Amino acid sequence: MADESESAGARAQRLARFQPASGMVTPRFSGLASFMRLPVLDPVEAVGEGAGEGTGLAEIGLIGIPFDGTTTNRPGARLGPRAVREASTGTRALNHATGVAPYALAACADLGDVPVNPVDAAETARRIEAFYRPLAEAGIVPLTVGGDHFITYPVLRALGAARPLGLIHIDAHSDTDDAQYGGARLTHGTPFRRAVEDGVLDPRRCIQIGIRGSMDAADERDWALAQGMRILMMEEVCARGLPEVAAEARAVTGDGPTYLSFDIDALDPAFAPGTGTPEIGGFTTREALHLLRALRGLDLVGADVVEVAPPLDSAGITALAGAGIAFEILCLLAERVAARH
C-alpha cells in the first residue's frame, strides 16, 4: 500500500508502471504468461528498501505456490499456478458487473512462485512464511494461487503475526481436522485448525461457506464449532440464499482484518472437475461470482484460490474458473487498497 503522503502525480506514475499488457495491442496468446498479463516483479524489488507498512513498490502481489505434497486424494494442484496464469491471460481490465478497474486502483504485479520443497511440507511451510513476512511488513496485499489448501496455513502465519485475522472460507470441506494418516498434522485437511492453534486466526471471526459431502465421523466438525467458527452447510446456503449468506459473512468478520480463501472444490464438479477432492452439489460459477461481489468493502488483507489440479481438468475449465475467481477477488482487494489512501 502506498504511503498516504504519496502525491497524486507520483501515484499516477506508480499505477502506470503496473498495467497489464493490452489484448488490443498484443494478442493474449502471445508473450510470457503472467497472472492477468501483469508485469513480473522480483519479490525483493516489490518490497523496496524501506521497512514498514507502505514501503512496498507494488500494492497487490499475485503469487503462485506450486505445492501439493499434503494432498490426501488426487494430486495435481502443484501445477495449478502455471495453469491459472495461462488461463488468466484472457482477463481484461474492467469488471463488467461492478465497474471496478483494479489496475486503476492499485499497483499489481506477478511476484512469481514461492520456491517450495515438493517432498517436505514442514520445510515448504517455513519457505512460504519467510516469503510472505516481508510482503506483510511492507503492506503488500497477497493474492495467492495454489497448490493444495495446506499452503494457506503458513500464509496466515505471516499475515496474522501482528494480530489474529478473520476468515471467509468458501469450500466443500472444513479443513479443521487435527491429524490424518497416523498423526500427520500438516495436510490440506488441517490448515485452519493449525492457524487457530497458533493464534493467527480468531475463530469467532471465521465463517465457512458451502461445506458439504459425506464425513468420516459425526463429530468431524465439533472442534471448529466449539471454537466459535460459523459453518454454513450447503443446504443452509441454498435455503437462505446468497444475499443472506453474504450478510452473515460480513457480520461474522466485522470491520477487522480478514483473509479470504476460496477452494475451487466449492464449485460443483460440473464446473470444476480438475480438483483433488470433488464433491457434488456445489456452487455454480455464476453463484460464486455473485457471492464474491457481495463481499465488497470488507477489510481484506489477503486471499487465495487453491486446489486447481490441471491433470484432472477437462478442456481447462477448472483453471478458467480459478482465473475468473482470482480476478473477482483482485477487484475486491484493489478497492480495499484504494480505500486505504
Protein backbone atom coordinates (compact mmCIF):
# COMPACT_ATOMS: atom_id res chain seq x y z
CA MET A 1 0.00 0.00 0.00
CA ALA A 2 1.34 3.41 -0.92
CA ASP A 3 2.14 5.89 1.82
CA GLU A 4 -0.70 8.35 2.46
CA SER A 5 1.66 11.23 1.66
CA GLU A 6 2.20 9.96 -1.91
CA SER A 7 1.27 12.76 -4.31
CA ALA A 8 -1.34 12.30 -6.99
CA GLY A 9 1.32 12.59 -9.67
CA ALA A 10 3.59 10.01 -8.06
CA ARG A 11 0.68 7.64 -7.62
CA ALA A 12 -0.32 8.02 -11.27
CA GLN A 13 3.23 7.13 -12.26
CA ARG A 14 3.20 4.10 -9.97
CA LEU A 15 -0.05 2.81 -11.42
CA ALA A 16 1.12 3.41 -14.98
CA ARG A 17 4.09 1.14 -14.34
CA PHE A 18 1.91 -1.77 -13.29
CA GLN A 19 -0.60 -2.04 -16.11
CA PRO A 20 -1.27 -5.40 -17.77
CA ALA A 21 -0.43 -5.89 -21.43
CA SER A 22 -3.44 -4.91 -23.55
CA GLY A 23 -5.07 -7.54 -25.74
CA MET A 24 -5.79 -4.74 -28.18
CA VAL A 25 -2.04 -4.22 -28.66
CA THR A 26 -0.57 -7.73 -28.38
CA PRO A 27 -2.64 -10.93 -28.74
CA ARG A 28 -3.48 -12.64 -25.47
CA PHE A 29 -1.93 -15.88 -26.68
CA SER A 30 1.47 -14.23 -27.19
CA GLY A 31 4.30 -13.40 -24.82
CA LEU A 32 5.13 -14.88 -21.44
CA ALA A 33 2.10 -15.94 -19.38
CA SER A 34 1.94 -13.97 -16.12
CA PHE A 35 -1.04 -13.59 -13.83
CA MET A 36 -3.52 -11.29 -15.64
CA ARG A 37 -0.69 -10.35 -18.07
CA LEU A 38 0.76 -8.15 -15.35
CA PRO A 39 4.43 -7.14 -15.09
CA VAL A 40 6.60 -9.69 -13.30
CA LEU A 41 8.45 -8.22 -10.34
CA ASP A 42 11.07 -9.79 -8.10
CA PRO A 43 9.70 -10.01 -4.53
CA VAL A 44 12.75 -8.20 -3.13
CA GLU A 45 12.18 -5.32 -5.54
CA ALA A 46 8.47 -5.33 -4.74
CA VAL A 47 9.16 -4.89 -1.03
CA GLY A 48 11.51 -1.96 -1.64
CA GLU A 49 14.27 -0.64 0.56
CA GLY A 50 12.24 0.61 3.49
CA ALA A 51 10.85 -1.33 6.39
CA GLY A 52 7.29 -0.96 7.49
CA GLU A 53 3.83 -0.74 6.01
CA GLY A 54 3.51 1.44 2.95
CA THR A 55 7.08 0.97 1.73
CA GLY A 56 6.32 -1.64 -0.94
CA LEU A 57 6.69 -0.76 -4.59
CA ALA A 58 3.75 -2.98 -5.50
CA GLU A 59 0.47 -2.84 -3.56
CA ILE A 60 -1.02 -6.20 -4.56
CA GLY A 61 1.22 -9.16 -5.30
CA LEU A 62 -0.06 -12.18 -7.22
CA ILE A 63 1.92 -15.25 -6.15
CA GLY A 64 1.97 -18.91 -7.06
CA ILE A 65 2.64 -21.71 -4.57
CA PRO A 66 3.10 -24.88 -6.65
CA PHE A 67 2.85 -27.42 -3.84
CA ASP A 68 0.53 -30.40 -3.36
CA GLY A 69 2.67 -32.55 -1.08
CA THR A 70 -0.06 -32.80 1.56
CA THR A 71 -2.91 -33.79 -0.74
CA THR A 72 -4.75 -36.82 0.61
CA ASN A 73 -6.67 -37.81 -2.50
CA ARG A 74 -5.89 -36.95 -6.14
CA PRO A 75 -2.66 -34.96 -6.73
CA GLY A 76 -2.01 -32.32 -9.36
CA ALA A 77 -2.57 -28.96 -7.66
CA ARG A 78 1.18 -28.26 -7.77
CA LEU A 79 0.55 -27.41 -11.43
CA GLY A 80 -2.30 -25.03 -10.57
CA PRO A 81 -0.37 -21.73 -10.60
CA ARG A 82 1.00 -22.38 -14.07
CA ALA A 83 -2.41 -23.30 -15.50
CA VAL A 84 -4.19 -20.37 -13.84
CA ARG A 85 -1.53 -17.99 -15.15
CA GLU A 86 -2.21 -19.26 -18.66
CA ALA A 87 -5.98 -19.03 -18.25
CA SER A 88 -5.78 -15.57 -16.68
CA THR A 89 -4.29 -14.05 -19.83
CA GLY A 90 -7.88 -13.86 -21.07
CA THR A 91 -8.98 -11.46 -18.34
CA ARG A 92 -9.38 -7.78 -19.17
CA ALA A 93 -9.05 -4.53 -17.28
CA LEU A 94 -12.64 -3.81 -16.23
CA ASN A 95 -15.14 -5.83 -14.20
CA HIS A 96 -18.31 -5.59 -16.28
CA ALA A 97 -20.63 -6.27 -13.33
CA THR A 98 -19.17 -3.99 -10.65
CA GLY A 99 -17.42 -1.41 -12.81
CA VAL A 100 -14.19 -1.94 -10.86
CA ALA A 101 -10.98 -1.34 -12.83
CA PRO A 102 -8.46 -2.91 -10.46
CA TYR A 103 -5.31 -1.69 -12.23
CA ALA A 104 -6.54 1.89 -11.98
CA LEU A 105 -6.90 1.47 -8.20
CA ALA A 106 -3.80 -0.46 -7.12
CA ALA A 107 -0.30 -1.27 -8.33
CA CYS A 108 -0.49 -5.00 -9.08
CA ALA A 109 2.34 -7.32 -10.10
CA ASP A 110 3.09 -11.01 -10.54
CA LEU A 111 5.70 -11.80 -7.87
CA GLY A 112 6.47 -15.27 -9.17
CA ASP A 113 6.33 -18.55 -7.26
CA VAL A 114 7.44 -19.45 -3.76
CA PRO A 115 10.42 -21.85 -4.05
CA VAL A 116 8.77 -24.85 -2.43
CA ASN A 117 10.29 -28.18 -1.42
CA PRO A 118 8.00 -30.72 -3.10
CA VAL A 119 8.92 -33.55 -0.69
CA ASP A 120 8.92 -31.70 2.64
CA ALA A 121 5.78 -29.99 3.94
CA ALA A 122 7.39 -28.50 7.07
CA GLU A 123 10.25 -27.00 5.08
CA THR A 124 7.79 -25.67 2.50
CA ALA A 125 5.78 -24.05 5.29
CA ARG A 126 8.90 -22.27 6.51
CA ARG A 127 9.70 -21.09 3.00
CA ILE A 128 6.19 -19.79 2.43
CA GLU A 129 6.12 -17.89 5.72
CA ALA A 130 9.56 -16.39 5.03
CA PHE A 131 8.39 -15.31 1.55
CA TYR A 132 5.23 -13.60 2.86
CA ARG A 133 6.51 -11.89 6.01
CA PRO A 134 8.41 -9.10 4.17
CA LEU A 135 5.35 -8.56 1.96
CA ALA A 136 3.15 -8.17 5.03
CA GLU A 137 5.62 -5.79 6.66
CA ALA A 138 5.70 -3.66 3.50
CA GLY A 139 1.91 -3.55 3.28
CA ILE A 140 1.71 -5.60 0.07
CA VAL A 141 -1.59 -7.48 -0.15
CA PRO A 142 -1.04 -11.04 -1.46
CA LEU A 143 -3.38 -12.86 -3.81
CA THR A 144 -2.15 -16.45 -3.94
CA VAL A 145 -2.87 -19.31 -6.33
CA GLY A 146 -2.13 -22.81 -5.03
CA GLY A 147 -1.31 -25.51 -4.60
CA ASP A 148 -3.32 -27.57 -2.14
CA HIS A 149 -5.06 -25.94 0.81
CA PHE A 150 -2.20 -26.59 3.20
CA ILE A 151 -0.44 -23.55 1.73
CA THR A 152 -2.95 -21.21 3.39
CA TYR A 153 -1.62 -22.10 6.85
CA PRO A 154 1.89 -20.59 6.52
CA VAL A 155 0.44 -17.61 4.63
CA LEU A 156 -1.84 -16.95 7.60
CA ARG A 157 1.11 -17.28 9.96
CA ALA A 158 2.84 -14.46 8.09
CA LEU A 159 -0.18 -12.18 7.68
CA GLY A 160 -1.62 -12.81 11.14
CA ALA A 161 1.62 -12.47 13.10
CA ALA A 162 0.78 -8.97 14.35
CA ARG A 163 -2.89 -9.67 15.12
CA PRO A 164 -5.27 -12.59 14.56
CA LEU A 165 -7.31 -12.40 11.37
CA GLY A 166 -10.89 -13.11 10.50
CA LEU A 167 -11.61 -15.60 7.74
CA ILE A 168 -14.12 -16.12 4.95
CA HIS A 169 -13.55 -19.68 3.78
CA ILE A 170 -15.50 -20.88 0.73
CA ASP A 171 -15.04 -24.63 0.33
CA ALA A 172 -16.64 -28.05 0.26
CA HIS A 173 -14.59 -29.11 3.30
CA SER A 174 -13.92 -27.51 6.68
CA ASP A 175 -10.20 -28.37 6.72
CA THR A 176 -10.12 -28.29 10.52
CA ASP A 177 -9.01 -31.89 11.13
CA ASP A 178 -6.41 -32.40 13.84
CA ALA A 179 -4.35 -35.07 12.06
CA GLN A 180 -4.61 -37.55 9.23
CA TYR A 181 -2.96 -40.86 8.36
CA GLY A 182 -1.38 -41.79 11.65
CA GLY A 183 -0.79 -38.35 13.11
CA ALA A 184 0.25 -36.15 10.18
CA ARG A 185 -0.63 -32.64 11.37
CA LEU A 186 0.37 -30.76 8.23
CA THR A 187 -2.06 -31.72 5.47
CA HIS A 188 -4.54 -29.94 3.24
CA GLY A 189 -7.23 -31.01 5.71
CA THR A 190 -5.71 -29.27 8.75
CA PRO A 191 -4.66 -25.68 7.85
CA PHE A 192 -7.32 -23.74 9.71
CA ARG A 193 -7.02 -25.78 12.90
CA ARG A 194 -3.27 -25.15 12.94
CA ALA A 195 -3.83 -21.44 12.29
CA VAL A 196 -6.29 -21.12 15.19
CA GLU A 197 -3.92 -23.03 17.49
CA ASP A 198 -1.09 -20.67 16.51
CA GLY A 199 -3.19 -17.63 17.34
CA VAL A 200 -3.15 -16.15 13.83
CA LEU A 201 -6.87 -16.78 13.23
CA ASP A 202 -9.66 -15.58 15.51
CA PRO A 203 -12.18 -18.45 15.31
CA ARG A 204 -15.03 -16.18 16.41
CA ARG A 205 -14.44 -14.17 13.24
CA CYS A 206 -14.27 -17.19 10.92
CA ILE A 207 -17.07 -18.34 8.64
CA GLN A 208 -17.01 -21.38 6.35
CA ILE A 209 -19.44 -21.35 3.42
CA GLY A 210 -20.67 -24.19 1.22
CA ILE A 211 -19.46 -27.15 3.31
CA ARG A 212 -20.96 -30.41 2.08
CA GLY A 213 -20.33 -34.07 1.31
CA SER A 214 -20.01 -37.23 3.33
CA MET A 215 -17.93 -37.33 6.52
CA ASP A 216 -15.68 -39.87 8.18
CA ALA A 217 -17.32 -39.33 11.58
CA ALA A 218 -20.30 -37.47 13.04
CA ASP A 219 -18.10 -35.30 15.24
CA GLU A 220 -15.79 -34.23 12.40
CA ARG A 221 -16.68 -30.54 12.73
CA ASP A 222 -17.22 -30.44 16.50
CA TRP A 223 -13.83 -28.85 17.21
CA ALA A 224 -14.43 -25.95 14.83
CA LEU A 225 -17.88 -25.30 16.24
CA ALA A 226 -16.54 -25.46 19.80
CA GLN A 227 -14.01 -22.74 18.97
CA GLY A 228 -16.80 -20.45 17.75
CA MET A 229 -16.41 -20.89 14.00
CA ARG A 230 -19.56 -20.41 11.95
CA ILE A 231 -20.16 -23.23 9.46
CA LEU A 232 -22.75 -22.71 6.74
CA MET A 233 -23.53 -26.07 5.19
CA MET A 234 -24.50 -26.01 1.54
CA GLU A 235 -28.09 -26.92 2.40
CA GLU A 236 -28.38 -23.79 4.56
CA VAL A 237 -26.77 -21.68 1.84
CA CYS A 238 -29.39 -22.89 -0.63
CA ALA A 239 -32.27 -22.39 1.79
CA ARG A 240 -31.28 -18.84 2.76
CA GLY A 241 -29.88 -17.50 -0.50
CA LEU A 242 -26.65 -15.70 -1.34
CA PRO A 243 -27.61 -12.20 -0.09
CA GLU A 244 -28.30 -13.53 3.41
CA VAL A 245 -25.14 -15.63 3.35
CA ALA A 246 -23.01 -12.64 2.36
CA ALA A 247 -24.67 -10.53 5.05
CA GLU A 248 -23.80 -13.10 7.69
CA ALA A 249 -20.22 -13.29 6.43
CA ARG A 250 -19.99 -9.53 6.93
CA ALA A 251 -21.48 -9.78 10.40
CA VAL A 252 -19.11 -12.56 11.48
CA THR A 253 -15.91 -10.94 10.21
CA GLY A 254 -16.91 -7.39 11.13
CA ASP A 255 -14.63 -4.43 10.47
CA GLY A 256 -11.38 -6.18 11.35
CA PRO A 257 -8.67 -7.50 9.04
CA THR A 258 -9.92 -10.56 7.18
CA TYR A 259 -8.50 -13.22 4.88
CA LEU A 260 -10.50 -14.78 2.02
CA SER A 261 -9.77 -18.38 0.99
CA PHE A 262 -11.54 -19.98 -1.99
CA ASP A 263 -11.08 -23.69 -2.59
CA ILE A 264 -12.06 -24.47 -6.18
CA ASP A 265 -13.92 -27.57 -4.96
CA ALA A 266 -16.51 -25.18 -3.55
CA LEU A 267 -17.76 -25.29 -7.13
CA ASP A 268 -19.75 -28.27 -8.30
CA PRO A 269 -17.61 -30.75 -10.28
CA ALA A 270 -19.68 -29.89 -13.34
CA PHE A 271 -17.92 -26.51 -13.27
CA ALA A 272 -14.59 -27.54 -11.74
CA PRO A 273 -13.73 -31.21 -12.32
CA GLY A 274 -10.00 -30.59 -12.04
CA THR A 275 -9.54 -30.78 -8.29
CA GLY A 276 -8.32 -33.32 -5.78
CA THR A 277 -11.44 -33.99 -3.74
CA PRO A 278 -14.55 -33.09 -5.75
CA GLU A 279 -17.96 -33.08 -4.05
CA ILE A 280 -21.27 -32.98 -5.93
CA GLY A 281 -23.89 -30.37 -5.07
CA GLY A 282 -21.65 -27.31 -5.09
CA PHE A 283 -21.86 -23.74 -6.31
CA THR A 284 -22.19 -22.85 -9.96
CA THR A 285 -19.57 -20.44 -11.21
CA ARG A 286 -22.28 -17.78 -11.54
CA GLU A 287 -23.27 -18.21 -7.89
CA ALA A 288 -19.64 -17.96 -6.81
CA LEU A 289 -19.22 -14.68 -8.68
CA HIS A 290 -22.36 -13.23 -7.09
CA LEU A 291 -21.21 -14.30 -3.63
CA LEU A 292 -17.78 -12.71 -4.06
CA ARG A 293 -19.24 -9.46 -5.39
CA ALA A 294 -21.42 -9.25 -2.29
CA LEU A 295 -18.26 -9.06 -0.13
CA ARG A 296 -17.14 -5.65 -1.39
CA GLY A 297 -15.86 -3.23 1.24
CA LEU A 298 -14.52 -5.75 3.76
CA ASP A 299 -11.05 -5.17 5.22
CA LEU A 300 -9.37 -7.90 3.18
CA VAL A 301 -5.64 -8.24 3.84
CA GLY A 302 -5.03 -11.22 1.58
CA ALA A 303 -6.72 -14.03 -0.33
CA ASP A 304 -6.11 -17.25 -2.18
CA VAL A 305 -7.58 -19.63 -4.76
CA VAL A 306 -6.43 -23.20 -4.20
CA GLU A 307 -6.76 -26.84 -5.31
CA VAL A 308 -6.86 -26.32 -9.10
CA ALA A 309 -5.40 -29.58 -10.44
CA PRO A 310 -4.79 -29.31 -14.20
CA PRO A 311 -4.03 -33.02 -14.82
CA LEU A 312 -7.60 -33.77 -13.70
CA ASP A 313 -9.17 -30.94 -15.71
CA SER A 314 -11.39 -31.10 -18.78
CA ALA A 315 -10.54 -28.61 -21.54
CA GLY A 316 -9.02 -26.27 -18.95
CA ILE A 317 -12.38 -25.29 -17.46
CA THR A 318 -11.21 -25.54 -13.85
CA ALA A 319 -8.20 -23.33 -14.49
CA LEU A 320 -10.50 -20.89 -16.30
CA ALA A 321 -12.82 -20.85 -13.28
CA GLY A 322 -9.83 -20.30 -10.99
CA ALA A 323 -8.62 -17.40 -13.10
CA GLY A 324 -12.06 -15.79 -13.19
CA ILE A 325 -12.49 -16.13 -9.44
CA ALA A 326 -8.99 -14.73 -8.89
CA PHE A 327 -9.91 -11.68 -10.97
CA GLU A 328 -13.08 -11.11 -8.92
CA ILE A 329 -11.05 -11.31 -5.73
CA LEU A 330 -8.42 -8.99 -7.21
CA CYS A 331 -11.17 -6.42 -7.72
CA LEU A 332 -12.14 -6.71 -4.04
CA LEU A 333 -8.53 -6.27 -2.94
CA ALA A 334 -7.92 -3.33 -5.28
CA GLU A 335 -10.97 -1.47 -3.98
CA ARG A 336 -9.73 -2.02 -0.44
CA VAL A 337 -6.25 -0.73 -1.28
CA ALA A 338 -7.74 2.38 -2.88
CA ALA A 339 -9.98 2.96 0.15
CA ARG A 340 -6.95 2.99 2.44
CA HIS A 341 -5.49 6.05 0.71
